[in-house]
PDB file of all heavy atoms in Angstrom:
ATOM      1  N   PHE A   1      32.378  23.700  88.536  1.00  0.00           N
ATOM      2  CA  PHE A   1      32.739  24.927  87.790  1.00  0.00           C
ATOM      3  C   PHE A   1      32.673  24.649  86.308  1.00  0.00           C
ATOM      4  O   PHE A   1      32.154  25.484  85.524  1.00  0.00           O
ATOM      5  CB  PHE A   1      34.139  25.386  88.227  1.00  0.00           C
ATOM      6  CG  PHE A   1      34.649  26.524  87.423  1.00  0.00           C
ATOM      7  CD1 PHE A   1      34.134  27.809  87.556  1.00  0.00           C
ATOM      8  CD2 PHE A   1      35.644  26.363  86.417  1.00  0.00           C
ATOM      9  CE1 PHE A   1      34.602  28.920  86.820  1.00  0.00           C
ATOM     10  CE2 PHE A   1      36.135  27.411  85.687  1.00  0.00           C
ATOM     11  CZ  PHE A   1      35.612  28.734  85.865  1.00  0.00           C
ATOM     12  N   ALA A   2      33.158  23.494  85.847  1.00  0.00           N
ATOM     13  CA  ALA A   2      33.164  23.128  84.426  1.00  0.00           C
ATOM     14  C   ALA A   2      31.776  23.027  83.856  1.00  0.00           C
ATOM     15  O   ALA A   2      31.577  23.334  82.671  1.00  0.00           O
ATOM     16  CB  ALA A   2      33.954  21.866  84.196  1.00  0.00           C
ATOM     17  N   THR A   3      30.812  22.680  84.695  1.00  0.00           N
ATOM     18  CA  THR A   3      29.393  22.578  84.239  1.00  0.00           C
ATOM     19  C   THR A   3      28.641  23.873  84.336  1.00  0.00           C
ATOM     20  O   THR A   3      27.476  23.970  83.904  1.00  0.00           O
ATOM     21  CB  THR A   3      28.606  21.485  84.974  1.00  0.00           C
ATOM     22  OG1 THR A   3      28.556  21.871  86.367  1.00  0.00           O
ATOM     23  CG2 THR A   3      29.236  20.133  84.837  1.00  0.00           C
ATOM     24  N   GLY A   4      29.254  24.894  84.913  1.00  0.00           N
ATOM     25  CA  GLY A   4      28.634  26.212  85.089  1.00  0.00           C
ATOM     26  C   GLY A   4      27.912  26.308  86.407  1.00  0.00           C
ATOM     27  O   GLY A   4      27.267  27.322  86.689  1.00  0.00           O
ATOM     28  N   ARG A   5      27.992  25.314  87.296  1.00  0.00           N
ATOM     29  CA  ARG A   5      27.222  25.366  88.572  1.00  0.00           C
ATOM     30  C   ARG A   5      27.963  26.334  89.522  1.00  0.00           C
ATOM     31  O   ARG A   5      27.284  26.850  90.396  1.00  0.00           O
ATOM     32  CB  ARG A   5      27.177  23.935  89.145  1.00  0.00           C
ATOM     33  CG  ARG A   5      26.317  23.751  90.329  1.00  0.00           C
ATOM     34  CD  ARG A   5      26.136  22.306  90.664  1.00  0.00           C
ATOM     35  NE  ARG A   5      25.619  22.077  91.970  1.00  0.00           N
ATOM     36  CZ  ARG A   5      25.434  20.940  92.554  1.00  0.00           C
ATOM     37  NH1 ARG A   5      25.810  19.837  91.891  1.00  0.00           N
ATOM     38  NH2 ARG A   5      24.904  20.779  93.747  1.00  0.00           N
ATOM     39  N   ARG A   6      29.255  26.489  89.369  1.00  0.00           N
ATOM     40  CA  ARG A   6      29.996  27.446  90.188  1.00  0.00           C
ATOM     41  C   ARG A   6      30.510  28.543  89.310  1.00  0.00           C
ATOM     42  O   ARG A   6      31.027  28.295  88.223  1.00  0.00           O
ATOM     43  CB  ARG A   6      31.169  26.727  90.907  1.00  0.00           C
ATOM     44  CG  ARG A   6      30.744  25.586  91.819  1.00  0.00           C
ATOM     45  CD  ARG A   6      29.974  26.022  93.016  1.00  0.00           C
ATOM     46  NE  ARG A   6      29.251  24.924  93.630  1.00  0.00           N
ATOM     47  CZ  ARG A   6      28.244  25.072  94.504  1.00  0.00           C
ATOM     48  NH1 ARG A   6      27.864  26.262  94.865  1.00  0.00           N
ATOM     49  NH2 ARG A   6      27.639  23.981  95.008  1.00  0.00           N
ATOM     50  N   GLU A   7      30.421  29.772  89.799  1.00  0.00           N
ATOM     51  CA  GLU A   7      30.789  30.909  88.979  1.00  0.00           C
ATOM     52  C   GLU A   7      32.318  31.088  88.836  1.00  0.00           C
ATOM     53  O   GLU A   7      32.807  31.531  87.789  1.00  0.00           O
ATOM     54  CB  GLU A   7      30.170  32.197  89.490  1.00  0.00           C
ATOM     55  CG  GLU A   7      28.685  32.258  89.397  1.00  0.00           C
ATOM     56  CD  GLU A   7      28.111  33.568  89.831  1.00  0.00           C
ATOM     57  OE1 GLU A   7      28.914  34.506  90.197  1.00  0.00           O
ATOM     58  OE2 GLU A   7      26.889  33.739  89.814  1.00  0.00           O
ATOM     59  N   LYS A   8      33.067  30.765  89.945  1.00  0.00           N
ATOM     60  CA  LYS A   8      34.490  30.979  89.891  1.00  0.00           C
ATOM     61  C   LYS A   8      35.174  29.755  90.451  1.00  0.00           C
ATOM     62  O   LYS A   8      34.646  28.984  91.215  1.00  0.00           O
ATOM     63  CB  LYS A   8      34.876  32.181  90.730  1.00  0.00           C
ATOM     64  CG  LYS A   8      34.412  33.500  90.148  1.00  0.00           C
ATOM     65  CD  LYS A   8      34.953  34.684  90.883  1.00  0.00           C
ATOM     66  CE  LYS A   8      34.512  36.018  90.276  1.00  0.00           C
ATOM     67  NZ  LYS A   8      35.127  37.202  90.968  1.00  0.00           N
ATOM     68  N   LEU A   9      36.411  29.547  89.956  1.00  0.00           N
ATOM     69  CA  LEU A   9      37.235  28.446  90.468  1.00  0.00           C
ATOM     70  C   LEU A   9      38.409  29.022  91.251  1.00  0.00           C
ATOM     71  O   LEU A   9      39.263  29.725  90.703  1.00  0.00           O
ATOM     72  CB  LEU A   9      37.750  27.643  89.225  1.00  0.00           C
ATOM     73  CG  LEU A   9      38.784  26.500  89.535  1.00  0.00           C
ATOM     74  CD1 LEU A   9      38.172  25.523  90.490  1.00  0.00           C
ATOM     75  CD2 LEU A   9      39.215  25.847  88.279  1.00  0.00           C
ATOM     76  N   PHE A  10      38.448  28.737  92.535  1.00  0.00           N
ATOM     77  CA  PHE A  10      39.442  29.288  93.386  1.00  0.00           C
ATOM     78  C   PHE A  10      40.477  28.215  93.752  1.00  0.00           C
ATOM     79  O   PHE A  10      40.134  27.035  94.014  1.00  0.00           O
ATOM     80  CB  PHE A  10      38.856  29.799  94.700  1.00  0.00           C
ATOM     81  CG  PHE A  10      37.982  31.026  94.507  1.00  0.00           C
ATOM     82  CD1 PHE A  10      36.598  30.891  94.592  1.00  0.00           C
ATOM     83  CD2 PHE A  10      38.534  32.254  94.194  1.00  0.00           C
ATOM     84  CE1 PHE A  10      35.740  31.967  94.462  1.00  0.00           C
ATOM     85  CE2 PHE A  10      37.706  33.355  94.065  1.00  0.00           C
ATOM     86  CZ  PHE A  10      36.357  33.220  94.191  1.00  0.00           C
ATOM     87  N   VAL A  11      41.719  28.601  93.748  1.00  0.00           N
ATOM     88  CA  VAL A  11      42.855  27.724  94.179  1.00  0.00           C
ATOM     89  C   VAL A  11      43.288  28.256  95.521  1.00  0.00           C
ATOM     90  O   VAL A  11      43.804  29.433  95.555  1.00  0.00           O
ATOM     91  CB  VAL A  11      43.962  27.681  93.137  1.00  0.00           C
ATOM     92  CG1 VAL A  11      45.149  26.893  93.680  1.00  0.00           C
ATOM     93  CG2 VAL A  11      43.483  27.057  91.841  1.00  0.00           C
ATOM     94  N   ASN A  12      43.202  27.418  96.569  1.00  0.00           N
ATOM     95  CA  ASN A  12      43.578  27.953  97.904  1.00  0.00           C
ATOM     96  C   ASN A  12      45.028  27.846  98.126  1.00  0.00           C
ATOM     97  O   ASN A  12      45.563  26.803  98.478  1.00  0.00           O
ATOM     98  CB  ASN A  12      42.756  27.144  98.958  1.00  0.00           C
ATOM     99  CG  ASN A  12      41.288  27.338  98.860  1.00  0.00           C
ATOM    100  OD1 ASN A  12      40.529  26.494  98.369  1.00  0.00           O
ATOM    101  ND2 ASN A  12      40.838  28.507  99.264  1.00  0.00           N
ATOM    102  N   GLY A  13      45.723  28.981  98.020  1.00  0.00           N
ATOM    103  CA  GLY A  13      47.143  29.061  98.295  1.00  0.00           C
ATOM    104  C   GLY A  13      48.009  28.825  97.079  1.00  0.00           C
ATOM    105  O   GLY A  13      47.839  27.809  96.376  1.00  0.00           O
ATOM    106  N   ASN A  14      48.941  29.757  96.824  1.00  0.00           N
ATOM    107  CA  ASN A  14      49.885  29.596  95.746  1.00  0.00           C
ATOM    108  C   ASN A  14      51.317  29.869  96.209  1.00  0.00           C
ATOM    109  O   ASN A  14      52.224  30.207  95.431  1.00  0.00           O
ATOM    110  CB  ASN A  14      49.547  30.450  94.544  1.00  0.00           C
ATOM    111  CG  ASN A  14      49.637  31.968  94.873  1.00  0.00           C
ATOM    112  OD1 ASN A  14      49.580  32.339  96.023  1.00  0.00           O
ATOM    113  ND2 ASN A  14      49.749  32.774  93.813  1.00  0.00           N
ATOM    114  N   ASP A  15      51.505  29.833  97.519  1.00  0.00           N
ATOM    115  CA  ASP A  15      52.820  30.109  98.117  1.00  0.00           C
ATOM    116  C   ASP A  15      53.347  28.963  98.973  1.00  0.00           C
ATOM    117  O   ASP A  15      54.159  29.149  99.913  1.00  0.00           O
ATOM    118  CB  ASP A  15      52.722  31.378  99.036  1.00  0.00           C
ATOM    119  CG  ASP A  15      51.719  31.250 100.111  1.00  0.00           C
ATOM    120  OD1 ASP A  15      50.909  30.282 100.117  1.00  0.00           O
ATOM    121  OD2 ASP A  15      51.733  32.122 101.019  1.00  0.00           O
ATOM    122  N   TYR A  16      52.879  27.735  98.651  1.00  0.00           N
ATOM    123  CA  TYR A  16      53.416  26.561  99.296  1.00  0.00           C
ATOM    124  C   TYR A  16      54.818  26.202  98.733  1.00  0.00           C
ATOM    125  O   TYR A  16      55.090  26.523  97.589  1.00  0.00           O
ATOM    126  CB  TYR A  16      52.496  25.349  99.127  1.00  0.00           C
ATOM    127  CG  TYR A  16      51.158  25.450  99.974  1.00  0.00           C
ATOM    128  CD1 TYR A  16      50.016  25.924  99.378  1.00  0.00           C
ATOM    129  CD2 TYR A  16      51.125  25.067 101.258  1.00  0.00           C
ATOM    130  CE1 TYR A  16      48.822  25.948 100.117  1.00  0.00           C
ATOM    131  CE2 TYR A  16      49.973  25.159 101.993  1.00  0.00           C
ATOM    132  CZ  TYR A  16      48.845  25.596 101.415  1.00  0.00           C
ATOM    133  OH  TYR A  16      47.672  25.651 102.152  1.00  0.00           O
ATOM    134  N   PRO A  17      55.637  25.545  99.572  1.00  0.00           N
ATOM    135  CA  PRO A  17      56.972  25.154  99.063  1.00  0.00           C
ATOM    136  C   PRO A  17      56.907  23.925  98.152  1.00  0.00           C
ATOM    137  O   PRO A  17      57.445  22.883  98.414  1.00  0.00           O
ATOM    138  CB  PRO A  17      57.714  24.833 100.354  1.00  0.00           C
ATOM    139  CG  PRO A  17      56.644  24.368 101.297  1.00  0.00           C
ATOM    140  CD  PRO A  17      55.437  25.208 100.943  1.00  0.00           C
ATOM    141  N   THR A  18      56.233  24.144  96.987  1.00  0.00           N
ATOM    142  CA  THR A  18      56.117  23.131  95.968  1.00  0.00           C
ATOM    143  C   THR A  18      56.521  23.710  94.636  1.00  0.00           C
ATOM    144  O   THR A  18      56.812  24.901  94.542  1.00  0.00           O
ATOM    145  CB  THR A  18      54.679  22.577  95.886  1.00  0.00           C
ATOM    146  OG1 THR A  18      53.810  23.718  95.514  1.00  0.00           O
ATOM    147  CG2 THR A  18      54.199  22.002  97.195  1.00  0.00           C
ATOM    148  N   GLU A  19      56.550  22.878  93.614  1.00  0.00           N
ATOM    149  CA  GLU A  19      57.091  23.356  92.327  1.00  0.00           C
ATOM    150  C   GLU A  19      56.299  24.495  91.687  1.00  0.00           C
ATOM    151  O   GLU A  19      56.924  25.451  91.172  1.00  0.00           O
ATOM    152  CB  GLU A  19      57.106  22.148  91.330  1.00  0.00           C
ATOM    153  CG  GLU A  19      57.854  22.490  90.035  1.00  0.00           C
ATOM    154  CD  GLU A  19      57.980  21.267  89.166  1.00  0.00           C
ATOM    155  OE1 GLU A  19      58.052  20.153  89.691  1.00  0.00           O
ATOM    156  OE2 GLU A  19      58.098  21.379  87.938  1.00  0.00           O
ATOM    157  N   ASP A  20      54.985  24.513  91.830  1.00  0.00           N
ATOM    158  CA  ASP A  20      54.206  25.575  91.304  1.00  0.00           C
ATOM    159  C   ASP A  20      53.495  26.416  92.410  1.00  0.00           C
ATOM    160  O   ASP A  20      52.643  27.257  92.087  1.00  0.00           O
ATOM    161  CB  ASP A  20      53.206  25.133  90.242  1.00  0.00           C
ATOM    162  CG  ASP A  20      52.166  24.129  90.792  1.00  0.00           C
ATOM    163  OD1 ASP A  20      51.944  24.095  92.005  1.00  0.00           O
ATOM    164  OD2 ASP A  20      51.583  23.378  89.983  1.00  0.00           O
ATOM    165  N   GLY A  21      53.844  26.123  93.662  1.00  0.00           N
ATOM    166  CA  GLY A  21      53.260  26.895  94.755  1.00  0.00           C
ATOM    167  C   GLY A  21      51.921  26.413  95.308  1.00  0.00           C
ATOM    168  O   GLY A  21      51.451  26.951  96.258  1.00  0.00           O
ATOM    169  N   THR A  22      51.312  25.433  94.593  1.00  0.00           N
ATOM    170  CA  THR A  22      50.050  24.887  95.063  1.00  0.00           C
ATOM    171  C   THR A  22      50.252  23.522  95.695  1.00  0.00           C
ATOM    172  O   THR A  22      51.278  22.837  95.497  1.00  0.00           O
ATOM    173  CB  THR A  22      49.032  24.731  93.913  1.00  0.00           C
ATOM    174  OG1 THR A  22      49.519  23.758  92.926  1.00  0.00           O
ATOM    175  CG2 THR A  22      48.856  26.101  93.193  1.00  0.00           C
ATOM    176  N   CYS A  23      49.275  23.098  96.527  1.00  0.00           N
ATOM    177  CA  CYS A  23      49.436  21.846  97.283  1.00  0.00           C
ATOM    178  C   CYS A  23      49.584  20.664  96.332  1.00  0.00           C
ATOM    179  O   CYS A  23      48.973  20.593  95.240  1.00  0.00           O
ATOM    180  CB  CYS A  23      48.181  21.633  98.144  1.00  0.00           C
ATOM    181  SG  CYS A  23      47.999  22.769  99.515  1.00  0.00           S
ATOM    182  N   VAL A  24      50.373  19.684  96.783  1.00  0.00           N
ATOM    183  CA  VAL A  24      50.585  18.438  96.010  1.00  0.00           C
ATOM    184  C   VAL A  24      49.921  17.308  96.820  1.00  0.00           C
ATOM    185  O   VAL A  24      50.130  17.151  98.012  1.00  0.00           O
ATOM    186  CB  VAL A  24      52.099  18.184  95.861  1.00  0.00           C
ATOM    187  CG1 VAL A  24      52.360  16.760  95.293  1.00  0.00           C
ATOM    188  CG2 VAL A  24      52.656  19.243  94.934  1.00  0.00           C
ATOM    189  N   ARG A  25      49.129  16.514  96.076  1.00  0.00           N
ATOM    190  CA  ARG A  25      48.443  15.357  96.733  1.00  0.00           C
ATOM    191  C   ARG A  25      48.502  14.129  95.906  1.00  0.00           C
ATOM    192  O   ARG A  25      48.741  14.178  94.653  1.00  0.00           O
ATOM    193  CB  ARG A  25      46.972  15.729  96.946  1.00  0.00           C
ATOM    194  CG  ARG A  25      46.662  16.854  97.895  1.00  0.00           C
ATOM    195  CD  ARG A  25      46.966  16.487  99.328  1.00  0.00           C
ATOM    196  NE  ARG A  25      46.657  17.517 100.284  1.00  0.00           N
ATOM    197  CZ  ARG A  25      47.530  18.467 100.684  1.00  0.00           C
ATOM    198  NH1 ARG A  25      48.764  18.475 100.219  1.00  0.00           N
ATOM    199  NH2 ARG A  25      47.194  19.369 101.570  1.00  0.00           N
ATOM    200  N   ASP A  26      48.339  13.005  96.565  1.00  0.00           N
ATOM    201  CA  ASP A  26      48.290  11.699  95.888  1.00  0.00           C
ATOM    202  C   ASP A  26      46.813  11.444  95.616  1.00  0.00           C
ATOM    203  O   ASP A  26      46.105  10.944  96.533  1.00  0.00           O
ATOM    204  CB  ASP A  26      48.887  10.660  96.855  1.00  0.00           C
ATOM    205  CG  ASP A  26      49.059   9.265  96.216  1.00  0.00           C
ATOM    206  OD1 ASP A  26      48.374   8.994  95.222  1.00  0.00           O
ATOM    207  OD2 ASP A  26      49.875   8.485  96.704  1.00  0.00           O
ATOM    208  N   PHE A  27      46.447  11.673  94.411  1.00  0.00           N
ATOM    209  CA  PHE A  27      45.063  11.426  93.996  1.00  0.00           C
ATOM    210  C   PHE A  27      44.838   9.990  93.548  1.00  0.00           C
ATOM    211  O   PHE A  27      45.671   9.499  92.747  1.00  0.00           O
ATOM    212  CB  PHE A  27      44.622  12.399  92.894  1.00  0.00           C
ATOM    213  CG  PHE A  27      44.532  13.815  93.356  1.00  0.00           C
ATOM    214  CD1 PHE A  27      45.633  14.668  93.173  1.00  0.00           C
ATOM    215  CD2 PHE A  27      43.446  14.309  94.017  1.00  0.00           C
ATOM    216  CE1 PHE A  27      45.584  15.983  93.588  1.00  0.00           C
ATOM    217  CE2 PHE A  27      43.390  15.639  94.450  1.00  0.00           C
ATOM    218  CZ  PHE A  27      44.464  16.465  94.260  1.00  0.00           C
ATOM    219  N   ILE A  28      43.805   9.329  94.035  1.00  0.00           N
ATOM    220  CA  ILE A  28      43.528   7.953  93.709  1.00  0.00           C
ATOM    221  C   ILE A  28      42.139   7.779  93.197  1.00  0.00           C
ATOM    222  O   ILE A  28      41.188   8.429  93.733  1.00  0.00           O
ATOM    223  CB  ILE A  28      43.780   6.995  94.911  1.00  0.00           C
ATOM    224  CG1 ILE A  28      43.451   5.569  94.564  1.00  0.00           C
ATOM    225  CG2 ILE A  28      43.013   7.527  96.139  1.00  0.00           C
ATOM    226  CD1 ILE A  28      43.828   4.562  95.636  1.00  0.00           C
ATOM    227  N   HIS A  29      41.940   7.004  92.138  1.00  0.00           N
ATOM    228  CA  HIS A  29      40.579   6.758  91.596  1.00  0.00           C
ATOM    229  C   HIS A  29      39.742   6.035  92.598  1.00  0.00           C
ATOM    230  O   HIS A  29      40.166   5.017  93.215  1.00  0.00           O
ATOM    231  CB  HIS A  29      40.713   5.986  90.333  1.00  0.00           C
ATOM    232  CG  HIS A  29      39.478   6.016  89.471  1.00  0.00           C
ATOM    233  ND1 HIS A  29      38.228   5.477  89.910  1.00  0.00           N
ATOM    234  CD2 HIS A  29      39.231   6.568  88.230  1.00  0.00           C
ATOM    235  CE1 HIS A  29      37.360   5.690  88.919  1.00  0.00           C
ATOM    236  NE2 HIS A  29      37.919   6.294  87.911  1.00  0.00           N
ATOM    237  N   VAL A  30      38.542   6.460  92.812  1.00  0.00           N
ATOM    238  CA  VAL A  30      37.640   5.893  93.813  1.00  0.00           C
ATOM    239  C   VAL A  30      37.385   4.464  93.584  1.00  0.00           C
ATOM    240  O   VAL A  30      37.166   3.668  94.515  1.00  0.00           O
ATOM    241  CB  VAL A  30      36.335   6.725  93.949  1.00  0.00           C
ATOM    242  CG1 VAL A  30      35.494   6.621  92.663  1.00  0.00           C
ATOM    243  CG2 VAL A  30      35.504   6.339  95.200  1.00  0.00           C
ATOM    244  N   THR A  31      37.388   3.998  92.322  1.00  0.00           N
ATOM    245  CA  THR A  31      37.146   2.598  92.035  1.00  0.00           C
ATOM    246  C   THR A  31      38.363   1.765  92.506  1.00  0.00           C
ATOM    247  O   THR A  31      38.197   0.685  93.018  1.00  0.00           O
ATOM    248  CB  THR A  31      36.891   2.352  90.555  1.00  0.00           C
ATOM    249  OG1 THR A  31      35.669   3.066  90.188  1.00  0.00           O
ATOM    250  CG2 THR A  31      36.735   0.851  90.206  1.00  0.00           C
ATOM    251  N   ASP A  32      39.594   2.268  92.273  1.00  0.00           N
ATOM    252  CA  ASP A  32      40.752   1.595  92.840  1.00  0.00           C
ATOM    253  C   ASP A  32      40.683   1.482  94.326  1.00  0.00           C
ATOM    254  O   ASP A  32      41.000   0.447  94.924  1.00  0.00           O
ATOM    255  CB  ASP A  32      42.044   2.350  92.413  1.00  0.00           C
ATOM    256  CG  ASP A  32      42.492   2.054  90.988  1.00  0.00           C
ATOM    257  OD1 ASP A  32      42.224   0.914  90.559  1.00  0.00           O
ATOM    258  OD2 ASP A  32      43.063   2.957  90.363  1.00  0.00           O
ATOM    259  N   LEU A  33      40.242   2.547  94.972  1.00  0.00           N
ATOM    260  CA  LEU A  33      40.086   2.583  96.432  1.00  0.00           C
ATOM    261  C   LEU A  33      39.032   1.555  96.893  1.00  0.00           C
ATOM    262  O   LEU A  33      39.229   0.850  97.831  1.00  0.00           O
ATOM    263  CB  LEU A  33      39.665   3.954  96.879  1.00  0.00           C
ATOM    264  CG  LEU A  33      39.426   4.151  98.364  1.00  0.00           C
ATOM    265  CD1 LEU A  33      40.667   3.793  99.211  1.00  0.00           C
ATOM    266  CD2 LEU A  33      39.033   5.652  98.654  1.00  0.00           C
ATOM    267  N   ALA A  34      37.905   1.502  96.162  1.00  0.00           N
ATOM    268  CA  ALA A  34      36.864   0.537  96.486  1.00  0.00           C
ATOM    269  C   ALA A  34      37.390  -0.925  96.405  1.00  0.00           C
ATOM    270  O   ALA A  34      37.087  -1.758  97.305  1.00  0.00           O
ATOM    271  CB  ALA A  34      35.665   0.726  95.598  1.00  0.00           C
TER     272      ALA A  34
END
């Protein structure tokens, strides 16, 4: 989306029981994972 390849940015769900209503995940850098 940031490069203009996608026209819209959708966030799937804003009614989850989290602080801002969106899903919370543990994101890890792929190099750390490797």
